[in-house]
Amino acid sequence: MYMTPIIQPTNDKAFAENIILQNMSAYYKQLDMRWDTALFAKQWGELDSYELVINASRVGLLCLNHDESAYYIRELQIDQKWQRNGFGTAAIRYTEEIAQQAGIHLLRLRVFCINPAIALYERMGFRICKTEDNTHYMERCIL
């Protein structure tokens, strides 16, 4: 049985950085990349960030930004022990609602080519537009 998370704004940069590092460090290592704390701190202030909460526990992070043509999912991180419970799907649906309210009908994201979350994104209707530097650029039109 899937639970529906509460999705609420957050400005907790430490929580965000921690969950990103927990989820992404293996990919960074495999791709011989290094985390840049200063870049994260700079970009954090440019994002609309949300935490996903179940029973008063933070289980995920969603970070967005947009321009006149698209909403961009910059981070979608679900705590590893809470994955495969529909929370990623809920976060994408939440993003769709925000975009539609703003009159924007295109969602975009980037994902490492080795990340199994690609299956979720494809299931949600995203398609790979290009691949560059171990990263898929994906998008989906919403109506």
N, C-alpha and C. Protein backbone atom coordinates (compact mmCIF):
# COMPACT_ATOMS: atom_id res chain seq x y z
N MET A 1 0.84 -1.18 0.00
CA MET A 1 0.00 0.00 0.00
C MET A 1 0.89 1.25 0.00
N TYR A 2 0.63 2.13 -0.94
CA TYR A 2 1.41 3.36 -1.04
C TYR A 2 0.86 4.43 -0.12
N MET A 3 1.77 5.16 0.50
CA MET A 3 1.40 6.31 1.32
C MET A 3 1.65 7.56 0.49
N THR A 4 0.87 8.58 0.75
CA THR A 4 1.06 9.84 0.05
C THR A 4 1.83 10.79 0.96
N PRO A 5 2.99 11.25 0.50
CA PRO A 5 3.76 12.15 1.35
C PRO A 5 3.17 13.56 1.36
N ILE A 6 3.39 14.25 2.46
CA ILE A 6 3.14 15.69 2.49
C ILE A 6 4.34 16.33 1.81
N ILE A 7 4.09 17.23 0.88
CA ILE A 7 5.17 17.94 0.19
C ILE A 7 5.07 19.40 0.60
N GLN A 8 6.10 19.87 1.28
CA GLN A 8 6.06 21.22 1.84
C GLN A 8 7.39 21.93 1.61
N PRO A 9 7.35 23.25 1.50
CA PRO A 9 8.59 24.01 1.27
C PRO A 9 9.61 23.77 2.39
N THR A 10 10.87 23.80 2.01
CA THR A 10 11.94 23.69 2.98
C THR A 10 13.06 24.65 2.62
N ASN A 11 13.75 25.13 3.64
CA ASN A 11 14.96 25.91 3.40
C ASN A 11 16.13 25.28 4.15
N ASP A 12 15.99 23.99 4.49
CA ASP A 12 17.00 23.27 5.25
C ASP A 12 18.09 22.75 4.30
N LYS A 13 19.07 23.58 4.07
CA LYS A 13 20.16 23.25 3.15
C LYS A 13 20.95 22.03 3.64
N ALA A 14 21.15 21.91 4.94
CA ALA A 14 21.92 20.78 5.48
C ALA A 14 21.21 19.46 5.19
N PHE A 15 19.89 19.41 5.40
CA PHE A 15 19.12 18.20 5.07
C PHE A 15 19.25 17.88 3.59
N ALA A 16 19.11 18.90 2.76
CA ALA A 16 19.19 18.71 1.31
C ALA A 16 20.54 18.14 0.90
N GLU A 17 21.60 18.77 1.36
CA GLU A 17 22.93 18.32 0.98
C GLU A 17 23.18 16.89 1.48
N ASN A 18 22.72 16.59 2.68
CA ASN A 18 22.92 15.27 3.25
C ASN A 18 22.22 14.19 2.42
N ILE A 19 20.96 14.39 2.06
CA ILE A 19 20.24 13.35 1.33
C ILE A 19 20.81 13.20 -0.10
N ILE A 20 21.23 14.31 -0.69
CA ILE A 20 21.85 14.23 -2.02
C ILE A 20 23.13 13.41 -1.94
N LEU A 21 23.97 13.72 -0.96
CA LEU A 21 25.24 12.99 -0.82
C LEU A 21 25.00 11.52 -0.52
N GLN A 22 24.03 11.22 0.34
CA GLN A 22 23.73 9.81 0.64
C GLN A 22 23.34 9.05 -0.62
N ASN A 23 22.49 9.67 -1.44
CA ASN A 23 21.98 8.99 -2.62
C ASN A 23 22.94 9.00 -3.80
N MET A 24 23.73 10.05 -3.93
CA MET A 24 24.49 10.24 -5.16
C MET A 24 25.98 9.90 -5.05
N SER A 25 26.49 9.69 -3.84
CA SER A 25 27.94 9.50 -3.69
C SER A 25 28.47 8.31 -4.48
N ALA A 26 27.71 7.23 -4.56
CA ALA A 26 28.18 6.07 -5.33
C ALA A 26 28.30 6.42 -6.82
N TYR A 27 27.36 7.21 -7.35
CA TYR A 27 27.43 7.62 -8.75
C TYR A 27 28.63 8.54 -8.98
N TYR A 28 28.82 9.48 -8.05
CA TYR A 28 29.96 10.39 -8.16
C TYR A 28 31.27 9.59 -8.18
N LYS A 29 31.37 8.60 -7.31
CA LYS A 29 32.58 7.78 -7.26
C LYS A 29 32.76 7.00 -8.55
N GLN A 30 31.69 6.36 -9.01
CA GLN A 30 31.77 5.55 -10.22
C GLN A 30 32.12 6.41 -11.44
N LEU A 31 31.66 7.65 -11.48
CA LEU A 31 31.91 8.54 -12.61
C LEU A 31 33.13 9.43 -12.39
N ASP A 32 33.84 9.18 -11.29
CA ASP A 32 35.06 9.94 -10.94
C ASP A 32 34.78 11.44 -10.88
N MET A 33 33.72 11.78 -10.16
CA MET A 33 33.32 13.17 -9.97
C MET A 33 33.47 13.54 -8.50
N ARG A 34 33.55 14.82 -8.22
CA ARG A 34 33.63 15.30 -6.84
C ARG A 34 32.49 16.24 -6.54
N TRP A 35 31.98 16.12 -5.33
CA TRP A 35 30.92 17.01 -4.86
C TRP A 35 31.52 18.39 -4.61
N ASP A 36 30.79 19.42 -5.02
CA ASP A 36 31.25 20.80 -4.86
C ASP A 36 30.30 21.52 -3.90
N THR A 37 30.68 21.58 -2.63
CA THR A 37 29.82 22.19 -1.61
C THR A 37 29.55 23.66 -1.90
N ALA A 38 30.56 24.38 -2.39
CA ALA A 38 30.38 25.81 -2.68
C ALA A 38 29.38 26.01 -3.82
N LEU A 39 29.47 25.19 -4.85
CA LEU A 39 28.51 25.29 -5.96
C LEU A 39 27.11 24.95 -5.48
N PHE A 40 26.99 23.90 -4.65
CA PHE A 40 25.69 23.55 -4.11
C PHE A 40 25.10 24.72 -3.33
N ALA A 41 25.90 25.34 -2.48
CA ALA A 41 25.42 26.46 -1.67
C ALA A 41 24.94 27.60 -2.55
N LYS A 42 25.65 27.89 -3.62
CA LYS A 42 25.25 28.95 -4.55
C LYS A 42 23.93 28.59 -5.24
N GLN A 43 23.83 27.37 -5.74
CA GLN A 43 22.64 26.95 -6.47
C GLN A 43 21.43 26.79 -5.55
N TRP A 44 21.65 26.42 -4.30
CA TRP A 44 20.55 26.20 -3.35
C TRP A 44 19.64 27.42 -3.28
N GLY A 45 20.22 28.60 -3.26
CA GLY A 45 19.43 29.81 -3.15
C GLY A 45 18.61 30.13 -4.38
N GLU A 46 18.89 29.46 -5.48
CA GLU A 46 18.18 29.71 -6.74
C GLU A 46 17.04 28.72 -6.97
N LEU A 47 16.83 27.79 -6.04
CA LEU A 47 15.86 26.72 -6.23
C LEU A 47 14.65 26.89 -5.33
N ASP A 48 13.52 26.38 -5.81
CA ASP A 48 12.34 26.21 -4.97
C ASP A 48 12.43 24.78 -4.43
N SER A 49 12.60 24.64 -3.13
CA SER A 49 12.89 23.34 -2.54
C SER A 49 11.77 22.87 -1.62
N TYR A 50 11.53 21.58 -1.66
CA TYR A 50 10.44 20.97 -0.91
C TYR A 50 10.95 19.70 -0.25
N GLU A 51 10.42 19.41 0.92
CA GLU A 51 10.70 18.15 1.58
C GLU A 51 9.45 17.28 1.49
N LEU A 52 9.66 15.99 1.37
CA LEU A 52 8.57 15.02 1.38
C LEU A 52 8.56 14.41 2.77
N VAL A 53 7.38 14.40 3.39
CA VAL A 53 7.26 14.01 4.79
C VAL A 53 6.21 12.90 4.94
N ILE A 54 6.57 11.89 5.70
CA ILE A 54 5.66 10.81 6.08
C ILE A 54 5.72 10.67 7.59
N ASN A 55 4.59 10.75 8.25
CA ASN A 55 4.54 10.58 9.71
C ASN A 55 5.59 11.42 10.42
N ALA A 56 5.70 12.67 10.05
CA ALA A 56 6.63 13.65 10.65
C ALA A 56 8.10 13.34 10.37
N SER A 57 8.40 12.39 9.49
CA SER A 57 9.77 12.08 9.09
C SER A 57 10.02 12.57 7.67
N ARG A 58 11.13 13.26 7.49
CA ARG A 58 11.49 13.70 6.14
C ARG A 58 12.05 12.51 5.36
N VAL A 59 11.42 12.22 4.24
CA VAL A 59 11.80 11.05 3.46
C VAL A 59 12.32 11.41 2.08
N GLY A 60 12.26 12.69 1.71
CA GLY A 60 12.72 13.04 0.38
C GLY A 60 12.87 14.53 0.18
N LEU A 61 13.44 14.85 -0.97
CA LEU A 61 13.73 16.22 -1.35
C LEU A 61 13.37 16.43 -2.81
N LEU A 62 12.73 17.54 -3.10
CA LEU A 62 12.41 17.94 -4.47
C LEU A 62 12.86 19.39 -4.63
N CYS A 63 13.72 19.64 -5.62
CA CYS A 63 14.18 21.01 -5.90
C CYS A 63 13.85 21.34 -7.35
N LEU A 64 13.25 22.51 -7.54
CA LEU A 64 12.77 22.93 -8.84
C LEU A 64 13.24 24.33 -9.17
N ASN A 65 13.30 24.62 -10.44
CA ASN A 65 13.32 26.00 -10.91
C ASN A 65 12.65 26.01 -12.27
N HIS A 66 12.46 27.21 -12.82
CA HIS A 66 11.75 27.28 -14.10
C HIS A 66 12.14 28.53 -14.85
N ASP A 67 11.85 28.49 -16.13
CA ASP A 67 11.91 29.68 -16.96
C ASP A 67 10.56 29.76 -17.68
N GLU A 68 10.46 30.60 -18.69
CA GLU A 68 9.15 30.78 -19.34
C GLU A 68 8.70 29.56 -20.13
N SER A 69 9.63 28.63 -20.43
CA SER A 69 9.26 27.50 -21.27
C SER A 69 9.14 26.16 -20.54
N ALA A 70 9.79 26.02 -19.38
CA ALA A 70 9.81 24.70 -18.73
C ALA A 70 10.02 24.81 -17.23
N TYR A 71 9.55 23.76 -16.54
CA TYR A 71 9.91 23.54 -15.14
C TYR A 71 11.01 22.49 -15.14
N TYR A 72 12.03 22.71 -14.30
CA TYR A 72 13.19 21.83 -14.24
C TYR A 72 13.23 21.14 -12.88
N ILE A 73 13.26 19.83 -12.89
CA ILE A 73 13.47 19.07 -11.67
C ILE A 73 14.98 18.99 -11.49
N ARG A 74 15.50 19.75 -10.53
CA ARG A 74 16.95 19.82 -10.30
C ARG A 74 17.42 18.74 -9.34
N GLU A 75 16.58 18.40 -8.39
CA GLU A 75 16.87 17.30 -7.47
C GLU A 75 15.57 16.58 -7.17
N LEU A 76 15.64 15.28 -7.21
CA LEU A 76 14.56 14.43 -6.71
C LEU A 76 15.24 13.29 -5.99
N GLN A 77 15.28 13.40 -4.68
CA GLN A 77 15.99 12.44 -3.84
C GLN A 77 15.02 11.86 -2.83
N ILE A 78 14.96 10.55 -2.79
CA ILE A 78 14.16 9.85 -1.80
C ILE A 78 15.13 9.04 -0.93
N ASP A 79 14.99 9.17 0.38
CA ASP A 79 15.83 8.41 1.30
C ASP A 79 15.79 6.94 0.89
N GLN A 80 16.95 6.30 0.88
CA GLN A 80 17.06 4.95 0.34
C GLN A 80 16.10 3.96 1.01
N LYS A 81 15.89 4.10 2.30
CA LYS A 81 14.99 3.14 2.97
C LYS A 81 13.52 3.40 2.67
N TRP A 82 13.21 4.51 2.00
CA TRP A 82 11.83 4.84 1.64
C TRP A 82 11.58 4.74 0.14
N GLN A 83 12.58 4.33 -0.62
CA GLN A 83 12.40 4.24 -2.07
C GLN A 83 11.45 3.09 -2.41
N ARG A 84 10.88 3.19 -3.60
CA ARG A 84 9.93 2.19 -4.12
C ARG A 84 8.61 2.19 -3.34
N ASN A 85 8.21 3.37 -2.88
CA ASN A 85 6.93 3.53 -2.20
C ASN A 85 6.05 4.55 -2.90
N GLY A 86 6.41 4.97 -4.10
CA GLY A 86 5.60 5.91 -4.85
C GLY A 86 5.90 7.37 -4.57
N PHE A 87 6.94 7.66 -3.76
CA PHE A 87 7.21 9.04 -3.40
C PHE A 87 7.81 9.83 -4.56
N GLY A 88 8.64 9.17 -5.38
CA GLY A 88 9.16 9.84 -6.58
C GLY A 88 8.04 10.20 -7.53
N THR A 89 7.11 9.28 -7.72
CA THR A 89 5.94 9.54 -8.55
C THR A 89 5.14 10.71 -8.00
N ALA A 90 4.93 10.73 -6.68
CA ALA A 90 4.17 11.82 -6.05
C ALA A 90 4.87 13.16 -6.27
N ALA A 91 6.20 13.16 -6.18
CA ALA A 91 6.95 14.41 -6.38
C ALA A 91 6.84 14.90 -7.82
N ILE A 92 6.87 13.99 -8.77
CA ILE A 92 6.73 14.38 -10.16
C ILE A 92 5.32 14.91 -10.42
N ARG A 93 4.32 14.26 -9.87
CA ARG A 93 2.94 14.75 -10.03
C ARG A 93 2.77 16.13 -9.40
N TYR A 94 3.40 16.36 -8.27
CA TYR A 94 3.36 17.67 -7.61
C TYR A 94 3.99 18.72 -8.53
N THR A 95 5.10 18.36 -9.14
CA THR A 95 5.76 19.28 -10.08
C THR A 95 4.85 19.59 -11.27
N GLU A 96 4.16 18.59 -11.76
CA GLU A 96 3.21 18.81 -12.86
C GLU A 96 2.16 19.84 -12.47
N GLU A 97 1.61 19.71 -11.27
CA GLU A 97 0.58 20.64 -10.80
C GLU A 97 1.11 22.07 -10.73
N ILE A 98 2.30 22.22 -10.17
CA ILE A 98 2.91 23.56 -10.07
C ILE A 98 3.11 24.15 -11.47
N ALA A 99 3.65 23.34 -12.37
CA ALA A 99 3.90 23.82 -13.73
C ALA A 99 2.60 24.23 -14.41
N GLN A 100 1.58 23.40 -14.31
CA GLN A 100 0.30 23.71 -14.94
C GLN A 100 -0.31 24.99 -14.37
N GLN A 101 -0.20 25.18 -13.07
CA GLN A 101 -0.72 26.40 -12.46
C GLN A 101 0.00 27.64 -13.00
N ALA A 102 1.27 27.47 -13.38
CA ALA A 102 2.06 28.57 -13.92
C ALA A 102 1.88 28.70 -15.44
N GLY A 103 1.08 27.82 -16.04
CA GLY A 103 0.88 27.86 -17.48
C GLY A 103 2.04 27.29 -18.27
N ILE A 104 2.85 26.46 -17.64
CA ILE A 104 4.01 25.84 -18.29
C ILE A 104 3.69 24.38 -18.53
N HIS A 105 3.99 23.90 -19.74
CA HIS A 105 3.58 22.56 -20.14
C HIS A 105 4.75 21.65 -20.50
N LEU A 106 5.93 21.94 -19.96
CA LEU A 106 7.10 21.12 -20.24
C LEU A 106 7.89 20.93 -18.96
N LEU A 107 8.21 19.67 -18.66
CA LEU A 107 9.08 19.33 -17.53
C LEU A 107 10.40 18.82 -18.09
N ARG A 108 11.49 19.21 -17.45
CA ARG A 108 12.81 18.75 -17.87
C ARG A 108 13.60 18.31 -16.65
N LEU A 109 14.52 17.37 -16.88
CA LEU A 109 15.43 16.93 -15.83
C LEU A 109 16.68 16.35 -16.46
N ARG A 110 17.69 16.18 -15.61
CA ARG A 110 18.92 15.50 -16.00
C ARG A 110 19.13 14.35 -15.03
N VAL A 111 19.68 13.26 -15.54
CA VAL A 111 19.91 12.09 -14.70
C VAL A 111 21.15 11.37 -15.23
N PHE A 112 21.99 10.88 -14.31
CA PHE A 112 23.14 10.10 -14.73
C PHE A 112 22.66 8.87 -15.49
N CYS A 113 23.38 8.52 -16.55
CA CYS A 113 23.01 7.38 -17.40
C CYS A 113 22.98 6.07 -16.63
N ILE A 114 23.70 5.99 -15.51
CA ILE A 114 23.77 4.75 -14.72
C ILE A 114 22.75 4.72 -13.59
N ASN A 115 21.89 5.71 -13.50
CA ASN A 115 20.93 5.80 -12.40
C ASN A 115 19.66 5.03 -12.74
N PRO A 116 19.27 4.06 -11.92
CA PRO A 116 18.06 3.29 -12.21
C PRO A 116 16.78 4.12 -12.15
N ALA A 117 16.83 5.35 -11.64
CA ALA A 117 15.65 6.22 -11.63
C ALA A 117 15.17 6.53 -13.04
N ILE A 118 16.00 6.27 -14.03
CA ILE A 118 15.59 6.47 -15.43
C ILE A 118 14.30 5.69 -15.70
N ALA A 119 14.19 4.50 -15.13
CA ALA A 119 12.97 3.70 -15.34
C ALA A 119 11.74 4.42 -14.82
N LEU A 120 11.83 5.06 -13.66
CA LEU A 120 10.71 5.85 -13.13
C LEU A 120 10.37 6.97 -14.09
N TYR A 121 11.38 7.71 -14.52
CA TYR A 121 11.12 8.86 -15.39
C TYR A 121 10.48 8.41 -16.70
N GLU A 122 10.94 7.32 -17.27
CA GLU A 122 10.33 6.83 -18.51
C GLU A 122 8.90 6.37 -18.26
N ARG A 123 8.66 5.72 -17.14
CA ARG A 123 7.31 5.28 -16.78
C ARG A 123 6.38 6.48 -16.63
N MET A 124 6.94 7.62 -16.18
CA MET A 124 6.15 8.85 -16.00
C MET A 124 6.06 9.66 -17.29
N GLY A 125 6.57 9.12 -18.40
CA GLY A 125 6.40 9.77 -19.69
C GLY A 125 7.56 10.62 -20.16
N PHE A 126 8.65 10.66 -19.41
CA PHE A 126 9.83 11.41 -19.86
C PHE A 126 10.54 10.63 -20.95
N ARG A 127 11.12 11.38 -21.88
CA ARG A 127 11.90 10.79 -22.97
C ARG A 127 13.28 11.43 -23.00
N ILE A 128 14.27 10.62 -23.38
CA ILE A 128 15.64 11.13 -23.48
C ILE A 128 15.74 12.00 -24.73
N CYS A 129 16.19 13.23 -24.56
CA CYS A 129 16.37 14.18 -25.67
C CYS A 129 17.80 14.17 -26.18
N LYS A 130 18.73 14.05 -25.24
CA LYS A 130 20.14 13.95 -25.62
C LYS A 130 20.90 13.33 -24.46
N THR A 131 22.09 12.84 -24.78
CA THR A 131 22.98 12.26 -23.79
C THR A 131 24.34 12.90 -23.97
N GLU A 132 24.89 13.37 -22.86
CA GLU A 132 26.17 14.07 -22.91
C GLU A 132 26.86 13.91 -21.55
N ASP A 133 28.14 13.59 -21.56
CA ASP A 133 28.93 13.49 -20.33
C ASP A 133 28.26 12.63 -19.26
N ASN A 134 27.89 11.41 -19.62
CA ASN A 134 27.28 10.45 -18.68
C ASN A 134 25.93 10.89 -18.13
N THR A 135 25.28 11.83 -18.81
CA THR A 135 24.02 12.39 -18.33
C THR A 135 22.97 12.34 -19.44
N HIS A 136 21.79 11.84 -19.09
CA HIS A 136 20.64 11.92 -19.99
C HIS A 136 19.89 13.21 -19.69
N TYR A 137 19.51 13.91 -20.72
CA TYR A 137 18.63 15.07 -20.62
C TYR A 137 17.25 14.58 -21.04
N MET A 138 16.29 14.68 -20.14
CA MET A 138 14.97 14.12 -20.39
C MET A 138 13.92 15.22 -20.27
N GLU A 139 12.81 15.02 -21.02
CA GLU A 139 11.72 15.98 -20.91
C GLU A 139 10.39 15.28 -21.14
N ARG A 140 9.35 15.97 -20.72
CA ARG A 140 7.99 15.46 -20.86
C ARG A 140 7.03 16.63 -21.02
N CYS A 141 6.18 16.53 -22.00
CA CYS A 141 5.11 17.53 -22.17
C CYS A 141 3.96 17.14 -21.25
N ILE A 142 3.35 18.17 -20.64
CA ILE A 142 2.17 17.93 -19.81
C ILE A 142 1.04 18.81 -20.35
N LEU A 143 -0.17 18.31 -20.24
CA LEU A 143 -1.33 19.05 -20.74
C LEU A 143 -2.25 19.44 -19.62
